[in-house]
C-alpha atoms as a PDB file:
ATOM      1  CA  MET A   1      35.224  64.859  29.465  1.00  0.00           C
ATOM      2  CA  ASN A   2      36.602  61.508  28.407  1.00  0.00           C
ATOM      3  CA  LEU A   3      33.977  58.951  27.296  1.00  0.00           C
ATOM      4  CA  THR A   4      34.437  55.255  27.525  1.00  0.00           C
ATOM      5  CA  LYS A   5      34.244  53.135  24.383  1.00  0.00           C
ATOM      6  CA  GLU A   6      30.965  51.596  25.514  1.00  0.00           C
ATOM      7  CA  HIS A   7      29.435  55.024  26.097  1.00  0.00           C
ATOM      8  CA  GLU A   8      30.514  56.210  22.658  1.00  0.00           C
ATOM      9  CA  GLN A   9      28.908  53.130  21.062  1.00  0.00           C
ATOM     10  CA  TYR A  10      25.706  53.790  23.006  1.00  0.00           C
ATOM     11  CA  LEU A  11      25.547  57.385  21.770  1.00  0.00           C
ATOM     12  CA  ASP A  12      26.175  56.198  18.197  1.00  0.00           C
ATOM     13  CA  TRP A  13      23.197  53.836  18.445  1.00  0.00           C
ATOM     14  CA  VAL A  14      21.064  56.654  19.867  1.00  0.00           C
ATOM     15  CA  ARG A  15      21.962  58.894  16.921  1.00  0.00           C
ATOM     16  CA  ILE A  16      21.057  56.069  14.507  1.00  0.00           C
ATOM     17  CA  GLN A  17      17.634  55.670  16.172  1.00  0.00           C
ATOM     18  CA  VAL A  18      17.085  59.432  15.998  1.00  0.00           C
ATOM     19  CA  CYS A  19      17.843  59.416  12.258  1.00  0.00           C
ATOM     20  CA  LEU A  20      15.418  56.509  11.686  1.00  0.00           C
ATOM     21  CA  VAL A  21      12.627  58.329  13.515  1.00  0.00           C
ATOM     22  CA  LYS A  22      13.231  61.593  11.665  1.00  0.00           C
ATOM     23  CA  SER A  23      13.281  59.795   8.280  1.00  0.00           C
ATOM     24  CA  GLY A  24      10.006  57.994   9.029  1.00  0.00           C
ATOM     25  CA  HIS A  25      11.439  54.473   9.063  1.00  0.00           C
ATOM     26  CA  LYS A  26      10.475  54.108  12.710  1.00  0.00           C
ATOM     27  CA  THR A  27       8.237  55.730  15.268  1.00  0.00           C
ATOM     28  CA  LEU A  28       9.576  56.669  18.668  1.00  0.00           C
ATOM     29  CA  ALA A  29       7.434  53.915  20.191  1.00  0.00           C
ATOM     30  CA  GLN A  30       9.264  51.363  18.030  1.00  0.00           C
ATOM     31  CA  VAL A  31      12.693  52.372  19.354  1.00  0.00           C
ATOM     32  CA  SER A  32      14.130  49.948  21.919  1.00  0.00           C
ATOM     33  CA  GLU A  33      13.591  50.966  25.522  1.00  0.00           C
ATOM     34  CA  LYS A  34      17.357  50.984  25.965  1.00  0.00           C
ATOM     35  CA  TYR A  35      17.693  53.998  23.641  1.00  0.00           C
ATOM     36  CA  ARG A  36      14.189  55.535  23.716  1.00  0.00           C
ATOM     37  CA  ALA A  37      14.608  58.054  26.559  1.00  0.00           C
ATOM     38  CA  CYS A  38      17.889  59.380  25.227  1.00  0.00           C
ATOM     39  CA  ALA A  39      16.525  59.504  21.669  1.00  0.00           C
ATOM     40  CA  ARG A  40      13.480  61.456  22.877  1.00  0.00           C
ATOM     41  CA  ARG A  41      15.733  64.069  24.540  1.00  0.00           C
ATOM     42  CA  GLU A  42      17.780  64.373  21.354  1.00  0.00           C
ATOM     43  CA  LEU A  43      14.654  64.850  19.255  1.00  0.00           C
ATOM     44  CA  GLU A  44      13.160  67.392  21.668  1.00  0.00           C
ATOM     45  CA  ALA A  45      16.445  69.305  21.714  1.00  0.00           C
ATOM     46  CA  GLU A  46      16.208  69.566  17.920  1.00  0.00           C
ATOM     47  CA  GLY A  47      12.600  70.737  18.163  1.00  0.00           C
ATOM     48  CA  TYR A  48      11.194  67.553  16.541  1.00  0.00           C
ATOM     49  CA  ARG A  49       7.638  66.640  17.457  1.00  0.00           C
ATOM     50  CA  GLU A  50       6.249  63.305  16.272  1.00  0.00           C
ATOM     51  CA  SER A  51       2.561  63.315  15.412  1.00  0.00           C
ATOM     52  CA  ALA A  52       0.598  60.540  17.092  1.00  0.00           C
ATOM     53  CA  LYS A  53      -1.168  59.870  13.794  1.00  0.00           C
ATOM     54  CA  ALA A  54       1.891  60.048  11.544  1.00  0.00           C
ATOM     55  CA  PRO A  55       2.258  56.708   9.704  1.00  0.00           C
ATOM     56  CA  SER A  56       5.618  55.007   9.343  1.00  0.00           C
ATOM     57  CA  LEU A  57       7.299  54.919   5.967  1.00  0.00           C
ATOM     58  CA  VAL A  58       6.633  51.185   5.558  1.00  0.00           C
ATOM     59  CA  LEU A  59       2.903  51.643   6.131  1.00  0.00           C
ATOM     60  CA  GLN A  60       2.917  54.445   3.625  1.00  0.00           C
ATOM     61  CA  TRP A  61       4.561  52.216   1.006  1.00  0.00           C
ATOM     62  CA  GLN A  62       2.026  49.446   1.662  1.00  0.00           C
ATOM     63  CA  ARG A  63      -0.840  51.884   1.209  1.00  0.00           C
ATOM     64  CA  GLU A  64       0.652  53.129  -2.058  1.00  0.00           C
ATOM     65  CA  ASP A  65       1.027  49.520  -3.314  1.00  0.00           C
ATOM     66  CA  ARG A  66      -2.631  48.819  -2.575  1.00  0.00           C
ATOM     67  CA  GLU A  67      -3.682  51.959  -4.386  1.00  0.00           C
ATOM     68  CA  ARG A  68      -1.617  51.010  -7.440  1.00  0.00           C
ATOM     69  CA  ALA A  69      -3.131  47.505  -7.428  1.00  0.00           C
ATOM     70  CA  LYS A  70      -6.652  48.932  -7.315  1.00  0.00           C
ATOM     71  CA  GLN A  71      -5.823  51.319 -10.154  1.00  0.00           C
ATOM     72  CA  ARG A  72      -4.455  48.451 -12.249  1.00  0.00           C
ATOM     73  CA  MET A  73      -7.621  46.413 -11.663  1.00  0.00           C
ATOM     74  CA  HIS A  74      -9.788  49.342 -12.752  1.00  0.00           C
ATOM     75  CA  GLU A  75      -7.709  49.699 -15.917  1.00  0.00           C
ATOM     76  CA  LEU A  76      -8.097  45.980 -16.743  1.00  0.00           C
ATOM     77  CA  ARG A  77     -11.838  46.134 -16.234  1.00  0.00           C
ATOM     78  CA  ALA A  78     -12.090  49.229 -18.395  1.00  0.00           C
ATOM     79  CA  ALA A  79     -10.242  47.350 -21.152  1.00  0.00           C
ATOM     80  CA  GLY A  80     -12.655  44.394 -20.871  1.00  0.00           C
ATOM     81  CA  CYS A  81     -10.150  42.125 -19.164  1.00  0.00           C
ATOM     82  CA  GLU A  82     -12.077  40.874 -16.158  1.00  0.00           C
ATOM     83  CA  MET A  83     -10.147  38.799 -13.634  1.00  0.00           C
ATOM     84  CA  TYR A  84     -11.007  35.080 -13.594  1.00  0.00           C
ATOM     85  CA  SER A  85     -11.802  33.937 -10.042  1.00  0.00           C
ATOM     86  CA  PRO A  86     -13.270  30.398 -10.053  1.00  0.00           C
ATOM     87  CA  GLY A  87     -14.943  29.106  -6.907  1.00  0.00           C
ATOM     88  CA  GLN A  88     -14.326  25.862  -5.058  1.00  0.00           C
ATOM     89  CA  ASP A  89     -16.967  24.092  -7.168  1.00  0.00           C
ATOM     90  CA  VAL A  90     -14.862  24.653 -10.303  1.00  0.00           C
ATOM     91  CA  PHE A  91     -11.743  23.170  -8.716  1.00  0.00           C
ATOM     92  CA  THR A  92     -13.749  20.181  -7.488  1.00  0.00           C
ATOM     93  CA  ALA A  93     -15.339  19.703 -10.923  1.00  0.00           C
ATOM     94  CA  VAL A  94     -12.042  19.798 -12.831  1.00  0.00           C
ATOM     95  CA  VAL A  95     -10.522  17.195 -10.489  1.00  0.00           C
ATOM     96  CA  ARG A  96     -13.596  14.960 -10.881  1.00  0.00           C
ATOM     97  CA  GLU A  97     -13.482  15.302 -14.681  1.00  0.00           C
ATOM     98  CA  HIS A  98      -9.819  14.323 -14.717  1.00  0.00           C
ATOM     99  CA  LEU A  99     -10.440  11.343 -12.416  1.00  0.00           C
ATOM    100  CA  ASP A 100     -13.217  10.147 -14.745  1.00  0.00           C
ATOM    101  CA  GLY A 101     -10.764  10.174 -17.640  1.00  0.00           C
ATOM    102  CA  CYS A 102      -8.111   8.341 -15.625  1.00  0.00           C
ATOM    103  CA  GLU A 103     -10.556   5.651 -14.520  1.00  0.00           C
ATOM    104  CA  ALA A 104     -11.726   5.197 -18.131  1.00  0.00           C
ATOM    105  CA  GLY A 105      -8.100   4.714 -19.164  1.00  0.00           C
ATOM    106  CA  THR A 106      -8.056   7.636 -21.619  1.00  0.00           C
ATOM    107  CA  TYR A 107      -5.839   9.844 -19.427  1.00  0.00           C
ATOM    108  CA  PRO A 108      -6.831  13.184 -21.006  1.00  0.00           C
ATOM    109  CA  THR A 109      -4.434  16.108 -21.015  1.00  0.00           C
ATOM    110  CA  ALA A 110      -4.847  18.807 -18.387  1.00  0.00           C
ATOM    111  CA  ARG A 111      -5.916  21.244 -21.080  1.00  0.00           C
ATOM    112  CA  ALA A 112      -8.638  18.936 -22.410  1.00  0.00           C
ATOM    113  CA  THR A 113      -9.993  18.459 -18.899  1.00  0.00           C
ATOM    114  CA  ALA A 114      -9.955  22.184 -18.174  1.00  0.00           C
ATOM    115  CA  GLU A 115     -11.725  22.982 -21.461  1.00  0.00           C
ATOM    116  CA  ALA A 116     -14.492  20.526 -20.570  1.00  0.00           C
ATOM    117  CA  VAL A 117     -15.057  22.364 -17.273  1.00  0.00           C
ATOM    118  CA  ALA A 118     -14.099  26.009 -17.845  1.00  0.00           C
ATOM    119  CA  GLY A 119     -14.480  26.432 -21.624  1.00  0.00           C
ATOM    120  CA  ILE A 120     -12.704  29.540 -22.899  1.00  0.00           C
ATOM    121  CA  ASN A 121     -11.247  30.155 -19.447  1.00  0.00           C
ATOM    122  CA  ALA A 122      -9.399  26.833 -19.506  1.00  0.00           C
ATOM    123  CA  HIS A 123      -5.939  28.412 -19.786  1.00  0.00           C
ATOM    124  CA  LYS A 124      -6.701  30.744 -16.869  1.00  0.00           C
ATOM    125  CA  LEU A 125      -7.909  27.842 -14.736  1.00  0.00           C
ATOM    126  CA  LEU A 126      -4.796  25.782 -15.474  1.00  0.00           C
ATOM    127  CA  ALA A 127      -2.582  28.693 -14.424  1.00  0.00           C
ATOM    128  CA  LYS A 128      -4.397  29.156 -11.094  1.00  0.00           C
ATOM    129  CA  THR A 129      -2.366  28.377  -7.970  1.00  0.00           C
ATOM    130  CA  SER A 130      -4.355  27.465  -4.878  1.00  0.00           C
ATOM    131  CA  LYS A 131      -3.052  24.642  -2.690  1.00  0.00           C
ATOM    132  CA  LYS A 132      -5.938  25.043  -0.245  1.00  0.00           C
ATOM    133  CA  ARG A 133      -8.655  24.697  -2.910  1.00  0.00           C
ATOM    134  CA  MET A 134      -6.958  21.779  -4.644  1.00  0.00           C
ATOM    135  CA  LYS A 135      -6.652  19.877  -1.361  1.00  0.00           C
ATOM    136  CA  GLN A 136     -10.339  20.510  -0.750  1.00  0.00           C
ATOM    137  CA  ALA A 137     -11.091  19.279  -4.286  1.00  0.00           C
ATOM    138  CA  PHE A 138      -9.223  16.054  -3.487  1.00  0.00           C
ATOM    139  CA  ARG A 139     -11.277  15.614  -0.319  1.00  0.00           C
ATOM    140  CA  ASP A 140     -14.524  16.338  -2.199  1.00  0.00           C
ATOM    141  CA  ASN A 141     -13.679  13.487  -4.614  1.00  0.00           C
ATOM    142  CA  LYS A 142     -12.417  11.029  -1.981  1.00  0.00           C
ATOM    143  CA  ASP A 143     -15.184   8.520  -2.828  1.00  0.00           C
ATOM    144  CA  HIS A 144     -14.254   8.429  -6.530  1.00  0.00           C
ATOM    145  CA  SER A 145     -12.893   5.004  -7.497  1.00  0.00           C
ATOM    146  CA  ALA A 146      -9.882   6.572  -9.233  1.00  0.00           C
ATOM    147  CA  MET A 147      -9.069   8.649  -6.154  1.00  0.00           C
ATOM    148  CA  LYS A 148      -9.295   5.536  -3.960  1.00  0.00           C
ATOM    149  CA  SER A 149      -6.739   3.841  -6.232  1.00  0.00           C
ATOM    150  CA  ILE A 150      -4.477   6.888  -6.130  1.00  0.00           C
ATOM    151  CA  CYS A 151      -4.609   7.008  -2.331  1.00  0.00           C
ATOM    152  CA  THR A 152      -3.005   3.546  -2.220  1.00  0.00           C
ATOM    153  CA  VAL A 153       0.248   5.081  -3.477  1.00  0.00           C
ATOM    154  CA  ALA A 154      -0.008   8.771  -2.485  1.00  0.00           C
ATOM    155  CA  ASP A 155      -1.984  10.788   0.068  1.00  0.00           C
ATOM    156  CA  TYR A 156      -3.217  14.353  -0.417  1.00  0.00           C
ATOM    157  CA  SER A 157      -0.056  15.872   1.085  1.00  0.00           C
ATOM    158  CA  THR A 158       2.145  13.858  -1.279  1.00  0.00           C
ATOM    159  CA  LEU A 159       0.094  14.900  -4.301  1.00  0.00           C
ATOM    160  CA  THR A 160       0.410  18.523  -3.214  1.00  0.00           C
ATOM    161  CA  ALA A 161       4.150  18.170  -2.678  1.00  0.00           C
ATOM    162  CA  VAL A 162       4.911  16.694  -6.116  1.00  0.00           C
ATOM    163  CA  ALA A 163       2.868  19.390  -7.903  1.00  0.00           C
ATOM    164  CA  SER A 164       4.507  22.716  -8.712  1.00  0.00           C
ATOM    165  CA  GLY A 165       1.477  24.712  -7.568  1.00  0.00           C
ATOM    166  CA  SER A 166      -0.673  25.304 -10.648  1.00  0.00           C
ATOM    167  CA  VAL A 167      -3.881  23.404 -11.419  1.00  0.00           C
ATOM    168  CA  SER A 168      -2.151  21.976 -14.492  1.00  0.00           C
ATOM    169  CA  SER A 169       0.594  20.404 -12.375  1.00  0.00           C
ATOM    170  CA  TYR A 170      -1.965  18.987  -9.917  1.00  0.00           C
ATOM    171  CA  LEU A 171      -3.845  17.254 -12.731  1.00  0.00           C
ATOM    172  CA  GLY A 172      -0.589  15.850 -14.063  1.00  0.00           C
ATOM    173  CA  ALA A 173       0.252  14.491 -10.603  1.00  0.00           C
ATOM    174  CA  LEU A 174      -3.178  12.841 -10.416  1.00  0.00           C
ATOM    175  CA  ALA A 175      -2.751  11.094 -13.775  1.00  0.00           C
ATOM    176  CA  ASN A 176       0.789   9.894 -12.995  1.00  0.00           C
ATOM    177  CA  SER A 177      -0.252   8.608  -9.562  1.00  0.00           C
ATOM    178  CA  HIS A 178      -3.223   6.755 -11.073  1.00  0.00           C
ATOM    179  CA  LYS A 179      -0.991   5.088 -13.674  1.00  0.00           C
ATOM    180  CA  LEU A 180       1.378   4.053 -10.893  1.00  0.00           C
ATOM    181  CA  ALA A 181      -1.505   2.670  -8.812  1.00  0.00           C
ATOM    182  CA  ARG A 182      -2.843   0.652 -11.764  1.00  0.00           C
ATOM    183  CA  ARG A 183       0.610  -0.731 -12.531  1.00  0.00           C
ATOM    184  CA  LEU A 184       1.049  -1.696  -8.896  1.00  0.00           C
ATOM    185  CA  GLU A 185      -2.352  -3.441  -8.908  1.00  0.00           C
ATOM    186  CA  ARG A 186      -1.325  -5.509 -11.940  1.00  0.00           C
ATOM    187  CA  ILE A 187       1.999  -6.421 -10.334  1.00  0.00           C
ATOM    188  CA  GLU A 188       0.300  -7.459  -7.097  1.00  0.00           C
ATOM    189  CA  SER A 189      -2.300  -9.514  -9.003  1.00  0.00           C
ATOM    190  CA  LYS A 190       0.391 -11.288 -11.010  1.00  0.00           C
ATOM    191  CA  ALA A 191       2.403 -11.891  -7.843  1.00  0.00           C
ATOM    192  CA  ALA A 192      -0.649 -13.453  -6.175  1.00  0.00           C
ATOM    193  CA  GLU A 193      -1.156 -15.763  -9.167  1.00  0.00           C
ATOM    194  CA  LEU A 194       2.484 -16.812  -9.103  1.00  0.00           C
ATOM    195  CA  ASP A 195       2.302 -17.441  -5.350  1.00  0.00           C
ATOM    196  CA  ALA A 196      -0.755 -19.675  -5.856  1.00  0.00           C
ATOM    197  CA  GLU A 197       0.974 -21.595  -8.649  1.00  0.00           C
ATOM    198  CA  LEU A 198       4.126 -21.958  -6.563  1.00  0.00           C
ATOM    199  CA  THR A 199       2.110 -23.245  -3.605  1.00  0.00           C
ATOM    200  CA  ALA A 200       0.391 -25.834  -5.829  1.00  0.00           C
ATOM    201  CA  VAL A 201       3.722 -26.950  -7.318  1.00  0.00           C
ATOM    202  CA  ARG A 202       5.269 -27.305  -3.884  1.00  0.00           C
ATOM    203  CA  ALA A 203       2.290 -29.339  -2.634  1.00  0.00           C
ATOM    204  CA  GLU A 204       2.505 -31.663  -5.650  1.00  0.00           C
ATOM    205  CA  ALA A 205       6.255 -32.013  -5.109  1.00  0.00           C
ATOM    206  CA  VAL A 206       5.646 -32.979  -1.488  1.00  0.00           C
ATOM    207  CA  ARG A 207       3.092 -35.612  -2.546  1.00  0.00           C
ATOM    208  CA  ALA A 208       5.387 -36.973  -5.263  1.00  0.00           C
ATOM    209  CA  ASN A 209       8.305 -37.173  -2.869  1.00  0.00           C
ATOM    210  CA  ALA A 210       6.110 -38.974  -0.354  1.00  0.00           C
ATOM    211  CA  ARG A 211       5.022 -41.526  -2.953  1.00  0.00           C
ATOM    212  CA  LEU A 212       8.587 -42.067  -4.101  1.00  0.00           C
ATOM    213  CA  GLY A 213       9.753 -42.381  -0.518  1.00  0.00           C
ATOM    214  CA  LEU A 214       7.160 -44.990   0.308  1.00  0.00           C
ATOM    215  CA  LYS A 215       7.931 -46.980  -2.795  1.00  0.00           C
ATOM    216  CA  ASP A 216      11.675 -46.787  -2.196  1.00  0.00           C
ATOM    217  CA  GLN A 217      11.181 -47.982   1.384  1.00  0.00           C
ATOM    218  CA  GLY A 218       8.981 -50.903   0.314  1.00  0.00           C
ATOM    219  CA  LYS A 219       5.940 -49.332   1.948  1.00  0.00           C
ATOM    220  CA  ASP A 220       3.743 -48.962  -1.124  1.00  0.00           C
ATOM    221  CA  TRP A 221       0.397 -50.342   0.103  1.00  0.00           C
ATOM    222  CA  LYS A 222      -0.424 -52.034  -3.191  1.00  0.00           C
ATOM    223  CA  GLU A 223       2.801 -54.009  -3.122  1.00  0.00           C
ATOM    224  CA  ARG A 224       2.215 -54.982   0.499  1.00  0.00           C
ATOM    225  CA  ALA A 225      -1.416 -55.899  -0.267  1.00  0.00           C
ATOM    226  CA  ARG A 226      -0.347 -58.186  -3.126  1.00  0.00           C
ATOM    227  CA  THR A 227       2.111 -59.924  -0.818  1.00  0.00           C
ATOM    228  CA  ILE A 228      -0.555 -60.427   1.856  1.00  0.00           C
ATOM    229  CA  LEU A 229      -3.138 -61.665  -0.693  1.00  0.00           C
ATOM    230  CA  ALA A 230      -0.657 -64.131  -2.123  1.00  0.00           C
ATOM    231  CA  ALA A 231      -0.195 -65.618   1.344  1.00  0.00           C
ATOM    232  CA  ASP A 232      -3.878 -65.344   2.379  1.00  0.00           C
ATOM    233  CA  PRO A 233      -6.234 -65.072  -0.635  1.00  0.00           C
ATOM    234  CA  GLY A 234      -9.355 -65.220   1.540  1.00  0.00           C
ATOM    235  CA  ILE A 235      -8.553 -62.245   3.752  1.00  0.00           C
ATOM    236  CA  SER A 236     -11.396 -59.741   4.018  1.00  0.00           C
ATOM    237  CA  ASN A 237     -11.205 -56.260   2.571  1.00  0.00           C
ATOM    238  CA  ARG A 238     -11.520 -54.684   6.039  1.00  0.00           C
ATOM    239  CA  LYS A 239      -8.655 -56.673   7.544  1.00  0.00           C
ATOM    240  CA  LEU A 240      -6.480 -56.166   4.470  1.00  0.00           C
ATOM    241  CA  GLY A 241      -7.126 -52.432   4.615  1.00  0.00           C
ATOM    242  CA  GLU A 242      -6.178 -52.300   8.287  1.00  0.00           C
ATOM    243  CA  ARG A 243      -2.913 -54.131   7.611  1.00  0.00           C
ATOM    244  CA  VAL A 244      -1.796 -51.894   4.712  1.00  0.00           C
ATOM    245  CA  GLY A 245      -3.195 -48.640   6.176  1.00  0.00           C
ATOM    246  CA  VAL A 246      -5.961 -47.769   3.679  1.00  0.00           C
ATOM    247  CA  HIS A 247      -9.744 -47.744   3.831  1.00  0.00           C
ATOM    248  CA  GLU A 248     -11.812 -50.843   3.135  1.00  0.00           C
ATOM    249  CA  SER A 249     -13.501 -49.139   0.163  1.00  0.00           C
ATOM    250  CA  THR A 250     -10.077 -48.564  -1.420  1.00  0.00           C
ATOM    251  CA  ILE A 251      -9.235 -52.254  -1.103  1.00  0.00           C
ATOM    252  CA  ARG A 252     -12.607 -53.134  -2.661  1.00  0.00           C
ATOM    253  CA  LYS A 253     -11.880 -50.797  -5.581  1.00  0.00           C
ATOM    254  CA  TYR A 254      -8.413 -52.205  -6.317  1.00  0.00           C
ATOM    255  CA  ARG A 255      -8.986 -55.879  -5.222  1.00  0.00           C
ATOM    256  CA  THR A 256      -9.149 -57.182  -8.746  1.00  0.00           C
ATOM    257  CA  ASP A 257      -5.953 -55.391  -9.769  1.00  0.00           C
ATOM    258  CA  LEU A 258      -4.154 -56.621  -6.667  1.00  0.00           C
ATOM    259  CA  THR A 259      -4.885 -60.260  -7.461  1.00  0.00           C
ATOM    260  CA  THR A 260      -3.791 -60.151 -11.092  1.00  0.00           C
END
């Protein structure tokens, strides 16, 4: 009987599925419905019976890996090498200790901070990688003045992104971000001072230009007042002030100078 090319390819795929089931890489239930019925007939024809409780090869490997991991842990404990598993309070404390140093301006190294919190386990703490616990430590210290400064230039996600994953890298990111925040504060303060000085200079320039403009246009009130007083020495301060555009008290203050 002549088989079409598509039929031959179908049978090839069925044979592949049969081999995977027999080798333990798959169970019959994991075979695609397209090939399952035909694969079952092939397996039954060969006298193969799959146990309902027979684990797949992958599950078997996973179980063996877990067993080896447990055995390794028992060996470490027997040798006196207990695993170091700090809780969330340790992560929070080491972040707070580092923030204290940053705020004081000492910027301690990550190792010095870890030794102050974890003692002889400092190197183990610095090597720990836990993004979830470090983010929580940041949130626990959100009211710290140093953390508030840091949050002006980087949020928690940014701090996590720039760190390589270990506690040591997180502490380094905190210190660098705090230095950047302090530098930015100084720049902004200096810029505000310069803006205030520039505003004062511009205001004085406007006043000076106004005075020069009035004098150039012959509108200086003192010159006009002298001219009026020369023509009418008995004019009152109020009327003189009205004519030159200044207050009566100003005329009274400068009356002697205007008549000399």
